[in-house]
Amino acid sequence: MPKLVDHEERRAHIIDALLRSAATSGLHSVTMRSVAVEAGVSVRLVQYYFDTKEQLLLAAMHRLTSRMGERVRRRVRASGAGTDPRGVIEAALLEAVPTDGESRAFHLIHTEYAVLSVTDPALGGQTFLAAPNEMEAFLAARLAAAQQAGTADPGLDARQEAVVLLAVSAGLGLSVLLGQRTAPEAVGVLQYHLGRIFTARD
């Protein structure tokens, strides 16, 4: 009896090969052939699942974003913050700091992808912006909840502050990748800014 092929498993195997290759040599150097070599399969098989390199890159970004989303959820659960808005926000934003191999790979590949998408319309669009937009809405909701609870500055615009927090966390992540500051230093800056937003209750 012929062995059944798990196509989703094969797709995931090829995508993971791209992510490993991109994490070590950069997304710009990835080709269909290099992915095939990393995955231990033929170029023809890679092309069977992905007609173009752009399709493969888009699939890789979806998988990478999904993984990091799960990391954020695990960090929030592990923090014990429960429904405390500041604890939830801090735990979520700390994922923007490359502290291990997986998070470093995420930020490196994500940054390279963003740069490539500027000059290649096939890589950009609303699909790429979906995750940041969702995080922005998530942060804004948590900030608004903190304001209602009296633990955050009521004079702040929650939506605008969410945009600022995302920009700050992304910039800190990049500064760690570039060696401008260490991960603990970046965490300290993030906590400093959060301290200006949240106020102690009497």
N, C-alpha and C. Protein backbone atom coordinates (compact mmCIF):
# COMPACT_ATOMS: atom_id res chain seq x y z
N MET A 1 0.85 -1.19 0.00
CA MET A 1 0.00 0.00 0.00
C MET A 1 0.89 1.24 0.00
N PRO A 2 0.68 2.18 -0.92
CA PRO A 2 1.53 3.37 -0.98
C PRO A 2 1.37 4.24 0.26
N LYS A 3 2.47 4.85 0.66
CA LYS A 3 2.48 5.70 1.84
C LYS A 3 1.74 7.00 1.55
N LEU A 4 0.85 7.39 2.46
CA LEU A 4 0.10 8.64 2.30
C LEU A 4 1.02 9.83 2.56
N VAL A 5 0.88 10.85 1.74
CA VAL A 5 1.71 12.04 1.88
C VAL A 5 0.96 13.10 2.67
N ASP A 6 1.58 13.60 3.72
CA ASP A 6 1.00 14.71 4.49
C ASP A 6 1.51 16.00 3.87
N HIS A 7 0.68 16.60 3.03
CA HIS A 7 1.12 17.77 2.28
C HIS A 7 1.38 18.98 3.19
N GLU A 8 0.57 19.12 4.23
CA GLU A 8 0.80 20.24 5.15
C GLU A 8 2.13 20.09 5.89
N GLU A 9 2.45 18.85 6.22
CA GLU A 9 3.73 18.59 6.90
C GLU A 9 4.90 18.90 5.96
N ARG A 10 4.75 18.54 4.69
CA ARG A 10 5.80 18.83 3.72
C ARG A 10 5.97 20.33 3.51
N ARG A 11 4.86 21.03 3.41
CA ARG A 11 4.91 22.48 3.25
C ARG A 11 5.63 23.11 4.45
N ALA A 12 5.26 22.67 5.63
CA ALA A 12 5.87 23.21 6.86
C ALA A 12 7.36 22.91 6.89
N HIS A 13 7.74 21.72 6.43
CA HIS A 13 9.16 21.33 6.40
C HIS A 13 9.95 22.25 5.48
N ILE A 14 9.38 22.57 4.34
CA ILE A 14 10.05 23.46 3.37
C ILE A 14 10.13 24.89 3.92
N ILE A 15 9.04 25.34 4.52
CA ILE A 15 9.03 26.70 5.09
C ILE A 15 10.05 26.82 6.21
N ASP A 16 10.11 25.82 7.07
CA ASP A 16 11.08 25.84 8.17
C ASP A 16 12.51 25.86 7.64
N ALA A 17 12.73 25.18 6.52
CA ALA A 17 14.06 25.19 5.90
C ALA A 17 14.42 26.60 5.45
N LEU A 18 13.45 27.30 4.88
CA LEU A 18 13.70 28.69 4.48
C LEU A 18 14.04 29.54 5.69
N LEU A 19 13.29 29.38 6.77
CA LEU A 19 13.53 30.19 7.97
C LEU A 19 14.90 29.92 8.57
N ARG A 20 15.32 28.66 8.58
CA ARG A 20 16.66 28.34 9.09
C ARG A 20 17.73 28.97 8.23
N SER A 21 17.56 28.87 6.92
CA SER A 21 18.53 29.44 5.99
C SER A 21 18.59 30.96 6.13
N ALA A 22 17.43 31.59 6.21
CA ALA A 22 17.38 33.05 6.32
C ALA A 22 17.99 33.54 7.64
N ALA A 23 17.82 32.75 8.70
CA ALA A 23 18.35 33.15 10.01
C ALA A 23 19.86 33.15 10.05
N THR A 24 20.49 32.33 9.19
CA THR A 24 21.95 32.24 9.20
C THR A 24 22.62 33.05 8.09
N SER A 25 21.98 33.09 6.91
CA SER A 25 22.63 33.79 5.79
C SER A 25 21.87 35.00 5.28
N GLY A 26 20.71 35.28 5.85
CA GLY A 26 19.95 36.45 5.44
C GLY A 26 18.88 36.10 4.41
N LEU A 27 17.76 36.78 4.52
CA LEU A 27 16.64 36.52 3.63
C LEU A 27 16.97 36.84 2.18
N HIS A 28 17.82 37.85 1.98
CA HIS A 28 18.17 38.27 0.62
C HIS A 28 18.90 37.20 -0.16
N SER A 29 19.56 36.28 0.54
CA SER A 29 20.35 35.26 -0.14
C SER A 29 19.57 33.97 -0.40
N VAL A 30 18.35 33.91 0.08
CA VAL A 30 17.55 32.70 -0.06
C VAL A 30 17.06 32.53 -1.50
N THR A 31 17.21 31.32 -2.02
CA THR A 31 16.69 30.97 -3.34
C THR A 31 15.91 29.67 -3.21
N MET A 32 15.15 29.33 -4.25
CA MET A 32 14.41 28.07 -4.24
C MET A 32 15.39 26.89 -4.09
N ARG A 33 16.54 27.02 -4.75
CA ARG A 33 17.53 25.95 -4.69
C ARG A 33 18.14 25.83 -3.29
N SER A 34 18.46 26.98 -2.67
CA SER A 34 19.07 26.92 -1.33
C SER A 34 18.09 26.35 -0.31
N VAL A 35 16.80 26.65 -0.49
CA VAL A 35 15.78 26.10 0.40
C VAL A 35 15.67 24.59 0.20
N ALA A 36 15.72 24.16 -1.05
CA ALA A 36 15.66 22.73 -1.35
C ALA A 36 16.83 21.99 -0.70
N VAL A 37 18.02 22.56 -0.80
CA VAL A 37 19.20 21.95 -0.20
C VAL A 37 19.04 21.86 1.32
N GLU A 38 18.59 22.94 1.94
CA GLU A 38 18.41 22.97 3.39
C GLU A 38 17.35 21.96 3.83
N ALA A 39 16.30 21.81 3.02
CA ALA A 39 15.21 20.89 3.36
C ALA A 39 15.53 19.45 3.00
N GLY A 40 16.58 19.25 2.18
CA GLY A 40 16.92 17.90 1.76
C GLY A 40 15.95 17.32 0.76
N VAL A 41 15.39 18.21 -0.08
CA VAL A 41 14.44 17.77 -1.11
C VAL A 41 14.87 18.35 -2.45
N SER A 42 14.16 18.00 -3.51
CA SER A 42 14.48 18.52 -4.83
C SER A 42 13.87 19.90 -5.04
N VAL A 43 14.47 20.67 -5.93
CA VAL A 43 13.91 21.97 -6.29
C VAL A 43 12.51 21.78 -6.86
N ARG A 44 12.32 20.71 -7.61
CA ARG A 44 11.02 20.43 -8.20
C ARG A 44 9.94 20.29 -7.13
N LEU A 45 10.30 19.66 -6.00
CA LEU A 45 9.32 19.49 -4.93
C LEU A 45 8.98 20.84 -4.29
N VAL A 46 9.99 21.68 -4.10
CA VAL A 46 9.73 23.01 -3.56
C VAL A 46 8.78 23.77 -4.49
N GLN A 47 9.02 23.67 -5.79
CA GLN A 47 8.19 24.36 -6.77
C GLN A 47 6.80 23.75 -6.88
N TYR A 48 6.66 22.49 -6.49
CA TYR A 48 5.34 21.86 -6.50
C TYR A 48 4.42 22.54 -5.48
N TYR A 49 5.00 22.90 -4.33
CA TYR A 49 4.20 23.53 -3.28
C TYR A 49 4.17 25.06 -3.38
N PHE A 50 5.20 25.63 -3.98
CA PHE A 50 5.29 27.09 -4.09
C PHE A 50 5.72 27.45 -5.51
N ASP A 51 4.81 28.07 -6.24
CA ASP A 51 5.10 28.40 -7.64
C ASP A 51 6.24 29.41 -7.78
N THR A 52 6.31 30.33 -6.82
CA THR A 52 7.31 31.39 -6.90
C THR A 52 8.00 31.58 -5.56
N LYS A 53 9.13 32.25 -5.59
CA LYS A 53 9.84 32.56 -4.36
C LYS A 53 8.99 33.46 -3.48
N GLU A 54 8.23 34.39 -4.12
CA GLU A 54 7.37 35.30 -3.35
C GLU A 54 6.32 34.52 -2.55
N GLN A 55 5.73 33.49 -3.16
CA GLN A 55 4.75 32.68 -2.45
C GLN A 55 5.39 31.99 -1.24
N LEU A 56 6.59 31.51 -1.43
CA LEU A 56 7.30 30.85 -0.34
C LEU A 56 7.63 31.83 0.78
N LEU A 57 8.05 33.03 0.42
CA LEU A 57 8.37 34.05 1.43
C LEU A 57 7.12 34.46 2.21
N LEU A 58 6.01 34.63 1.51
CA LEU A 58 4.76 34.99 2.19
C LEU A 58 4.34 33.90 3.16
N ALA A 59 4.44 32.65 2.73
CA ALA A 59 4.08 31.53 3.60
C ALA A 59 5.00 31.49 4.83
N ALA A 60 6.27 31.78 4.61
CA ALA A 60 7.23 31.79 5.72
C ALA A 60 6.90 32.88 6.73
N MET A 61 6.50 34.05 6.23
CA MET A 61 6.16 35.14 7.14
C MET A 61 4.92 34.81 7.95
N HIS A 62 3.94 34.17 7.31
CA HIS A 62 2.74 33.75 8.05
C HIS A 62 3.11 32.78 9.17
N ARG A 63 3.97 31.82 8.85
CA ARG A 63 4.38 30.83 9.85
C ARG A 63 5.19 31.48 10.97
N LEU A 64 6.08 32.38 10.61
CA LEU A 64 6.91 33.06 11.60
C LEU A 64 6.05 33.91 12.53
N THR A 65 5.10 34.64 11.95
CA THR A 65 4.21 35.48 12.75
C THR A 65 3.35 34.65 13.68
N SER A 66 2.88 33.50 13.19
CA SER A 66 2.07 32.62 14.02
C SER A 66 2.88 32.10 15.21
N ARG A 67 4.13 31.74 14.96
CA ARG A 67 5.01 31.26 16.03
C ARG A 67 5.22 32.33 17.09
N MET A 68 5.49 33.55 16.64
CA MET A 68 5.76 34.61 17.60
C MET A 68 4.49 35.00 18.36
N GLY A 69 3.35 34.88 17.69
CA GLY A 69 2.10 35.13 18.40
C GLY A 69 1.90 34.16 19.54
N GLU A 70 2.26 32.90 19.30
CA GLU A 70 2.16 31.89 20.35
C GLU A 70 3.17 32.18 21.46
N ARG A 71 4.36 32.67 21.11
CA ARG A 71 5.35 33.04 22.12
C ARG A 71 4.82 34.15 23.02
N VAL A 72 4.16 35.13 22.42
CA VAL A 72 3.57 36.23 23.19
C VAL A 72 2.53 35.68 24.17
N ARG A 73 1.67 34.79 23.68
CA ARG A 73 0.64 34.23 24.54
C ARG A 73 1.25 33.42 25.68
N ARG A 74 2.30 32.66 25.38
CA ARG A 74 2.97 31.88 26.44
C ARG A 74 3.61 32.81 27.46
N ARG A 75 4.23 33.89 26.99
CA ARG A 75 4.89 34.82 27.91
C ARG A 75 3.87 35.49 28.81
N VAL A 76 2.73 35.87 28.25
CA VAL A 76 1.68 36.51 29.05
C VAL A 76 1.19 35.54 30.12
N ARG A 77 0.96 34.27 29.72
CA ARG A 77 0.50 33.27 30.70
C ARG A 77 1.55 33.04 31.78
N ALA A 78 2.81 32.94 31.37
CA ALA A 78 3.89 32.66 32.32
C ALA A 78 4.15 33.82 33.27
N SER A 79 3.81 35.03 32.84
CA SER A 79 4.06 36.21 33.67
C SER A 79 3.17 36.26 34.88
N GLY A 80 2.05 35.53 34.82
CA GLY A 80 1.11 35.56 35.94
C GLY A 80 0.36 36.87 36.02
N ALA A 81 0.39 37.65 34.94
CA ALA A 81 -0.25 38.96 34.95
C ALA A 81 -1.77 38.85 35.00
N GLY A 82 -2.31 37.71 34.55
CA GLY A 82 -3.76 37.56 34.55
C GLY A 82 -4.40 38.59 33.63
N THR A 83 -5.25 39.42 34.23
CA THR A 83 -5.90 40.47 33.45
C THR A 83 -5.32 41.85 33.75
N ASP A 84 -4.23 41.91 34.53
CA ASP A 84 -3.60 43.18 34.84
C ASP A 84 -3.06 43.81 33.56
N PRO A 85 -3.60 44.96 33.15
CA PRO A 85 -3.21 45.55 31.86
C PRO A 85 -1.72 45.79 31.71
N ARG A 86 -1.07 46.36 32.73
CA ARG A 86 0.36 46.64 32.59
C ARG A 86 1.15 45.34 32.43
N GLY A 87 0.84 44.33 33.24
CA GLY A 87 1.56 43.08 33.15
C GLY A 87 1.40 42.42 31.80
N VAL A 88 0.18 42.48 31.26
CA VAL A 88 -0.08 41.89 29.95
C VAL A 88 0.67 42.65 28.86
N ILE A 89 0.62 43.98 28.91
CA ILE A 89 1.30 44.80 27.91
C ILE A 89 2.80 44.59 27.97
N GLU A 90 3.35 44.59 29.18
CA GLU A 90 4.80 44.42 29.32
C GLU A 90 5.25 43.05 28.81
N ALA A 91 4.50 42.02 29.16
CA ALA A 91 4.85 40.68 28.71
C ALA A 91 4.80 40.58 27.19
N ALA A 92 3.79 41.20 26.58
CA ALA A 92 3.66 41.15 25.12
C ALA A 92 4.79 41.91 24.44
N LEU A 93 5.12 43.08 24.94
CA LEU A 93 6.14 43.91 24.30
C LEU A 93 7.55 43.35 24.48
N LEU A 94 7.76 42.60 25.55
CA LEU A 94 9.09 42.03 25.77
C LEU A 94 9.49 41.06 24.67
N GLU A 95 8.50 40.54 23.92
CA GLU A 95 8.83 39.67 22.80
C GLU A 95 9.51 40.45 21.68
N ALA A 96 9.47 41.78 21.74
CA ALA A 96 10.14 42.60 20.73
C ALA A 96 11.64 42.66 20.97
N VAL A 97 12.08 42.14 22.10
CA VAL A 97 13.51 42.16 22.44
C VAL A 97 14.11 40.80 22.11
N PRO A 98 15.06 40.73 21.19
CA PRO A 98 15.69 39.44 20.84
C PRO A 98 16.54 38.90 21.99
N THR A 99 15.98 37.94 22.71
CA THR A 99 16.68 37.41 23.87
C THR A 99 17.17 35.98 23.68
N ASP A 100 16.73 35.32 22.59
CA ASP A 100 17.19 33.96 22.33
C ASP A 100 17.24 33.75 20.82
N GLY A 101 17.65 32.55 20.43
CA GLY A 101 17.83 32.27 19.00
C GLY A 101 16.57 32.45 18.19
N GLU A 102 15.43 32.00 18.70
CA GLU A 102 14.19 32.09 17.94
C GLU A 102 13.72 33.52 17.77
N SER A 103 13.76 34.29 18.88
CA SER A 103 13.29 35.68 18.77
C SER A 103 14.27 36.52 17.94
N ARG A 104 15.56 36.20 18.01
CA ARG A 104 16.52 36.92 17.17
C ARG A 104 16.25 36.64 15.70
N ALA A 105 16.00 35.37 15.38
CA ALA A 105 15.70 35.00 14.00
C ALA A 105 14.44 35.70 13.52
N PHE A 106 13.43 35.76 14.38
CA PHE A 106 12.19 36.43 14.00
C PHE A 106 12.43 37.88 13.63
N HIS A 107 13.14 38.61 14.49
CA HIS A 107 13.34 40.03 14.25
C HIS A 107 14.25 40.29 13.05
N LEU A 108 15.25 39.44 12.88
CA LEU A 108 16.14 39.58 11.74
C LEU A 108 15.38 39.36 10.43
N ILE A 109 14.63 38.26 10.35
CA ILE A 109 13.90 37.94 9.13
C ILE A 109 12.78 38.94 8.88
N HIS A 110 12.08 39.31 9.94
CA HIS A 110 10.97 40.26 9.81
C HIS A 110 11.47 41.61 9.29
N THR A 111 12.61 42.06 9.81
CA THR A 111 13.17 43.34 9.37
C THR A 111 13.59 43.27 7.91
N GLU A 112 14.26 42.18 7.53
CA GLU A 112 14.67 42.04 6.14
C GLU A 112 13.47 41.97 5.21
N TYR A 113 12.44 41.26 5.65
CA TYR A 113 11.24 41.13 4.83
C TYR A 113 10.59 42.49 4.62
N ALA A 114 10.53 43.29 5.68
CA ALA A 114 9.92 44.62 5.58
C ALA A 114 10.66 45.47 4.55
N VAL A 115 12.00 45.40 4.58
CA VAL A 115 12.80 46.18 3.63
C VAL A 115 12.56 45.69 2.20
N LEU A 116 12.53 44.37 2.00
CA LEU A 116 12.29 43.81 0.67
C LEU A 116 10.91 44.19 0.15
N SER A 117 9.91 44.23 1.04
CA SER A 117 8.54 44.51 0.61
C SER A 117 8.37 45.95 0.12
N VAL A 118 9.29 46.82 0.51
CA VAL A 118 9.21 48.22 0.05
C VAL A 118 9.40 48.31 -1.46
N THR A 119 10.28 47.46 -2.00
CA THR A 119 10.58 47.51 -3.43
C THR A 119 9.93 46.38 -4.22
N ASP A 120 9.29 45.44 -3.53
CA ASP A 120 8.61 44.33 -4.22
C ASP A 120 7.16 44.30 -3.76
N PRO A 121 6.24 44.88 -4.54
CA PRO A 121 4.82 44.93 -4.17
C PRO A 121 4.21 43.57 -3.88
N ALA A 122 4.75 42.52 -4.49
CA ALA A 122 4.22 41.18 -4.28
C ALA A 122 4.41 40.71 -2.84
N LEU A 123 5.32 41.33 -2.12
CA LEU A 123 5.60 40.93 -0.74
C LEU A 123 4.92 41.82 0.28
N GLY A 124 4.38 42.94 -0.16
CA GLY A 124 3.79 43.88 0.79
C GLY A 124 2.29 43.72 0.92
N GLY A 125 1.61 44.84 1.09
CA GLY A 125 0.16 44.83 1.17
C GLY A 125 -0.35 44.61 2.58
N GLN A 126 -1.68 44.48 2.68
CA GLN A 126 -2.34 44.39 3.97
C GLN A 126 -2.03 43.08 4.70
N THR A 127 -1.68 42.03 3.96
CA THR A 127 -1.36 40.76 4.61
C THR A 127 -0.20 40.92 5.57
N PHE A 128 0.82 41.66 5.14
CA PHE A 128 2.01 41.86 5.97
C PHE A 128 1.69 42.73 7.19
N LEU A 129 0.71 43.63 7.05
CA LEU A 129 0.39 44.57 8.13
C LEU A 129 -0.63 44.02 9.11
N ALA A 130 -1.21 42.87 8.83
CA ALA A 130 -2.29 42.35 9.66
C ALA A 130 -1.86 42.16 11.11
N ALA A 131 -0.73 41.49 11.33
CA ALA A 131 -0.29 41.20 12.70
C ALA A 131 0.00 42.47 13.50
N PRO A 132 0.78 43.45 12.93
CA PRO A 132 1.00 44.69 13.68
C PRO A 132 -0.29 45.44 13.98
N ASN A 133 -1.24 45.42 13.06
CA ASN A 133 -2.51 46.10 13.29
C ASN A 133 -3.29 45.44 14.42
N GLU A 134 -3.24 44.11 14.46
CA GLU A 134 -3.91 43.38 15.53
C GLU A 134 -3.26 43.68 16.88
N MET A 135 -1.93 43.74 16.91
CA MET A 135 -1.24 44.05 18.16
C MET A 135 -1.54 45.47 18.61
N GLU A 136 -1.63 46.38 17.66
CA GLU A 136 -1.97 47.77 17.99
C GLU A 136 -3.33 47.84 18.66
N ALA A 137 -4.31 47.14 18.11
CA ALA A 137 -5.65 47.13 18.69
C ALA A 137 -5.64 46.48 20.07
N PHE A 138 -4.86 45.41 20.21
CA PHE A 138 -4.75 44.71 21.48
C PHE A 138 -4.18 45.64 22.56
N LEU A 139 -3.09 46.33 22.24
CA LEU A 139 -2.46 47.23 23.20
C LEU A 139 -3.39 48.39 23.56
N ALA A 140 -4.07 48.94 22.56
CA ALA A 140 -4.98 50.06 22.81
C ALA A 140 -6.10 49.64 23.76
N ALA A 141 -6.61 48.43 23.59
CA ALA A 141 -7.67 47.93 24.46
C ALA A 141 -7.18 47.76 25.89
N ARG A 142 -5.96 47.25 26.04
CA ARG A 142 -5.41 47.06 27.40
C ARG A 142 -5.14 48.41 28.06
N LEU A 143 -4.66 49.37 27.29
CA LEU A 143 -4.42 50.71 27.84
C LEU A 143 -5.73 51.37 28.27
N ALA A 144 -6.75 51.22 27.45
CA ALA A 144 -8.06 51.80 27.79
C ALA A 144 -8.60 51.15 29.07
N ALA A 145 -8.39 49.85 29.22
CA ALA A 145 -8.84 49.15 30.42
C ALA A 145 -8.11 49.67 31.66
N ALA A 146 -6.81 49.93 31.50
CA ALA A 146 -6.02 50.47 32.62
C ALA A 146 -6.49 51.87 32.99
N GLN A 147 -6.85 52.67 32.00
CA GLN A 147 -7.36 54.01 32.28
C GLN A 147 -8.68 53.93 33.06
N GLN A 148 -9.54 53.01 32.65
CA GLN A 148 -10.81 52.85 33.35
C GLN A 148 -10.61 52.36 34.77
N ALA A 149 -9.56 51.56 34.97
CA ALA A 149 -9.27 51.04 36.31
C ALA A 149 -8.51 52.04 37.17
N GLY A 150 -8.09 53.14 36.57
CA GLY A 150 -7.36 54.16 37.31
C GLY A 150 -5.88 53.88 37.50
N THR A 151 -5.32 52.97 36.69
CA THR A 151 -3.91 52.64 36.84
C THR A 151 -3.04 53.21 35.72
N ALA A 152 -3.65 53.91 34.77
CA ALA A 152 -2.89 54.54 33.68
C ALA A 152 -3.33 55.99 33.55
N ASP A 153 -2.44 56.81 33.07
CA ASP A 153 -2.70 58.24 32.89
C ASP A 153 -3.97 58.43 32.06
N PRO A 154 -5.02 59.04 32.63
CA PRO A 154 -6.28 59.21 31.91
C PRO A 154 -6.19 60.21 30.76
N GLY A 155 -5.13 61.02 30.75
CA GLY A 155 -5.00 62.03 29.70
C GLY A 155 -4.40 61.51 28.42
N LEU A 156 -3.97 60.25 28.41
CA LEU A 156 -3.36 59.69 27.22
C LEU A 156 -4.41 59.25 26.20
N ASP A 157 -4.04 59.30 24.93
CA ASP A 157 -4.86 58.73 23.87
C ASP A 157 -4.40 57.28 23.72
N ALA A 158 -5.24 56.33 24.11
CA ALA A 158 -4.84 54.92 24.14
C ALA A 158 -4.39 54.42 22.78
N ARG A 159 -5.09 54.80 21.72
CA ARG A 159 -4.72 54.34 20.38
C ARG A 159 -3.36 54.89 19.97
N GLN A 160 -3.16 56.17 20.18
CA GLN A 160 -1.88 56.78 19.80
C GLN A 160 -0.74 56.22 20.63
N GLU A 161 -1.00 55.97 21.91
CA GLU A 161 0.05 55.43 22.78
C GLU A 161 0.40 54.01 22.37
N ALA A 162 -0.58 53.25 21.88
CA ALA A 162 -0.31 51.90 21.39
C ALA A 162 0.63 51.95 20.20
N VAL A 163 0.42 52.93 19.32
CA VAL A 163 1.30 53.11 18.16
C VAL A 163 2.72 53.41 18.63
N VAL A 164 2.85 54.29 19.62
CA VAL A 164 4.16 54.67 20.15
C VAL A 164 4.85 53.45 20.77
N LEU A 165 4.10 52.67 21.54
CA LEU A 165 4.69 51.50 22.20
C LEU A 165 5.23 50.50 21.18
N LEU A 166 4.48 50.28 20.10
CA LEU A 166 4.94 49.37 19.07
C LEU A 166 6.20 49.90 18.39
N ALA A 167 6.22 51.21 18.13
CA ALA A 167 7.39 51.81 17.50
C ALA A 167 8.61 51.72 18.41
N VAL A 168 8.40 51.97 19.70
CA VAL A 168 9.50 51.90 20.66
C VAL A 168 10.04 50.47 20.75
N SER A 169 9.12 49.50 20.86
CA SER A 169 9.57 48.11 21.01
C SER A 169 10.29 47.62 19.76
N ALA A 170 9.78 48.01 18.58
CA ALA A 170 10.44 47.60 17.33
C ALA A 170 11.83 48.22 17.23
N GLY A 171 11.93 49.50 17.59
CA GLY A 171 13.22 50.18 17.55
C GLY A 171 14.21 49.58 18.52
N LEU A 172 13.74 49.20 19.70
CA LEU A 172 14.62 48.58 20.69
C LEU A 172 15.11 47.22 20.20
N GLY A 173 14.20 46.46 19.57
CA GLY A 173 14.59 45.17 19.02
C GLY A 173 15.69 45.31 17.99
N LEU A 174 15.55 46.31 17.12
CA LEU A 174 16.56 46.55 16.09
C LEU A 174 17.89 46.98 16.71
N SER A 175 17.81 47.79 17.76
CA SER A 175 19.04 48.26 18.40
C SER A 175 19.81 47.11 19.03
N VAL A 176 19.09 46.09 19.51
CA VAL A 176 19.75 44.91 20.06
C VAL A 176 20.40 44.11 18.94
N LEU A 177 19.70 43.95 17.83
CA LEU A 177 20.26 43.22 16.68
C LEU A 177 21.54 43.88 16.20
N LEU A 178 21.56 45.22 16.21
CA LEU A 178 22.71 45.97 15.71
C LEU A 178 23.85 46.05 16.73
N GLY A 179 23.58 45.61 17.95
CA GLY A 179 24.61 45.66 18.98
C GLY A 179 24.73 47.02 19.63
N GLN A 180 23.75 47.88 19.40
CA GLN A 180 23.77 49.21 20.00
C GLN A 180 23.59 49.14 21.51
N ARG A 181 22.75 48.20 21.94
CA ARG A 181 22.55 47.99 23.38
C ARG A 181 22.25 46.52 23.62
N THR A 182 22.36 46.11 24.86
CA THR A 182 22.10 44.73 25.22
C THR A 182 20.59 44.52 25.42
N ALA A 183 20.18 43.25 25.45
CA ALA A 183 18.77 42.96 25.69
C ALA A 183 18.30 43.50 27.04
N PRO A 184 19.08 43.32 28.13
CA PRO A 184 18.64 43.88 29.42
C PRO A 184 18.50 45.41 29.38
N GLU A 185 19.38 46.07 28.65
CA GLU A 185 19.28 47.52 28.52
C GLU A 185 17.99 47.91 27.79
N ALA A 186 17.66 47.16 26.74
CA ALA A 186 16.45 47.45 25.99
C ALA A 186 15.21 47.23 26.86
N VAL A 187 15.24 46.17 27.66
CA VAL A 187 14.13 45.89 28.57
C VAL A 187 13.97 47.04 29.57
N GLY A 188 15.09 47.56 30.04
CA GLY A 188 15.05 48.68 30.98
C GLY A 188 14.41 49.92 30.37
N VAL A 189 14.74 50.20 29.12
CA VAL A 189 14.15 51.35 28.43
C VAL A 189 12.64 51.16 28.29
N LEU A 190 12.23 49.96 27.92
CA LEU A 190 10.81 49.67 27.75
C LEU A 190 10.06 49.83 29.07
N GLN A 191 10.64 49.31 30.15
CA GLN A 191 10.00 49.43 31.45
C GLN A 191 9.96 50.87 31.93
N TYR A 192 10.98 51.64 31.59
CA TYR A 192 10.99 53.07 31.93
C TYR A 192 9.82 53.79 31.27
N HIS A 193 9.61 53.48 29.98
CA HIS A 193 8.52 54.15 29.27
C HIS A 193 7.17 53.72 29.82
N LEU A 194 7.02 52.44 30.14
CA LEU A 194 5.76 51.98 30.71
C LEU A 194 5.48 52.63 32.07
N GLY A 195 6.56 52.91 32.80
CA GLY A 195 6.41 53.58 34.09
C GLY A 195 5.86 54.98 33.96
N ARG A 196 6.04 55.60 32.80
CA ARG A 196 5.51 56.93 32.57
C ARG A 196 4.03 56.90 32.18
N ILE A 197 3.57 55.72 31.75
CA ILE A 197 2.18 55.57 31.34
C ILE A 197 1.30 55.14 32.51
N PHE A 198 1.83 54.19 33.28
CA PHE A 198 1.04 53.62 34.38
C PHE A 198 1.36 54.33 35.69
N THR A 199 0.31 54.56 36.46
CA THR A 199 0.46 55.25 37.74
C THR A 199 0.05 54.33 38.87
N ALA A 200 0.73 54.47 40.00
CA ALA A 200 0.38 53.65 41.16
C ALA A 200 -0.94 54.10 41.74
N ARG A 201 -1.74 53.14 42.17
CA ARG A 201 -3.01 53.49 42.79
C ARG A 201 -2.79 53.87 44.25
N ASP A 202 -3.61 54.79 44.73
CA ASP A 202 -3.49 55.21 46.14
C ASP A 202 -3.94 54.09 47.05
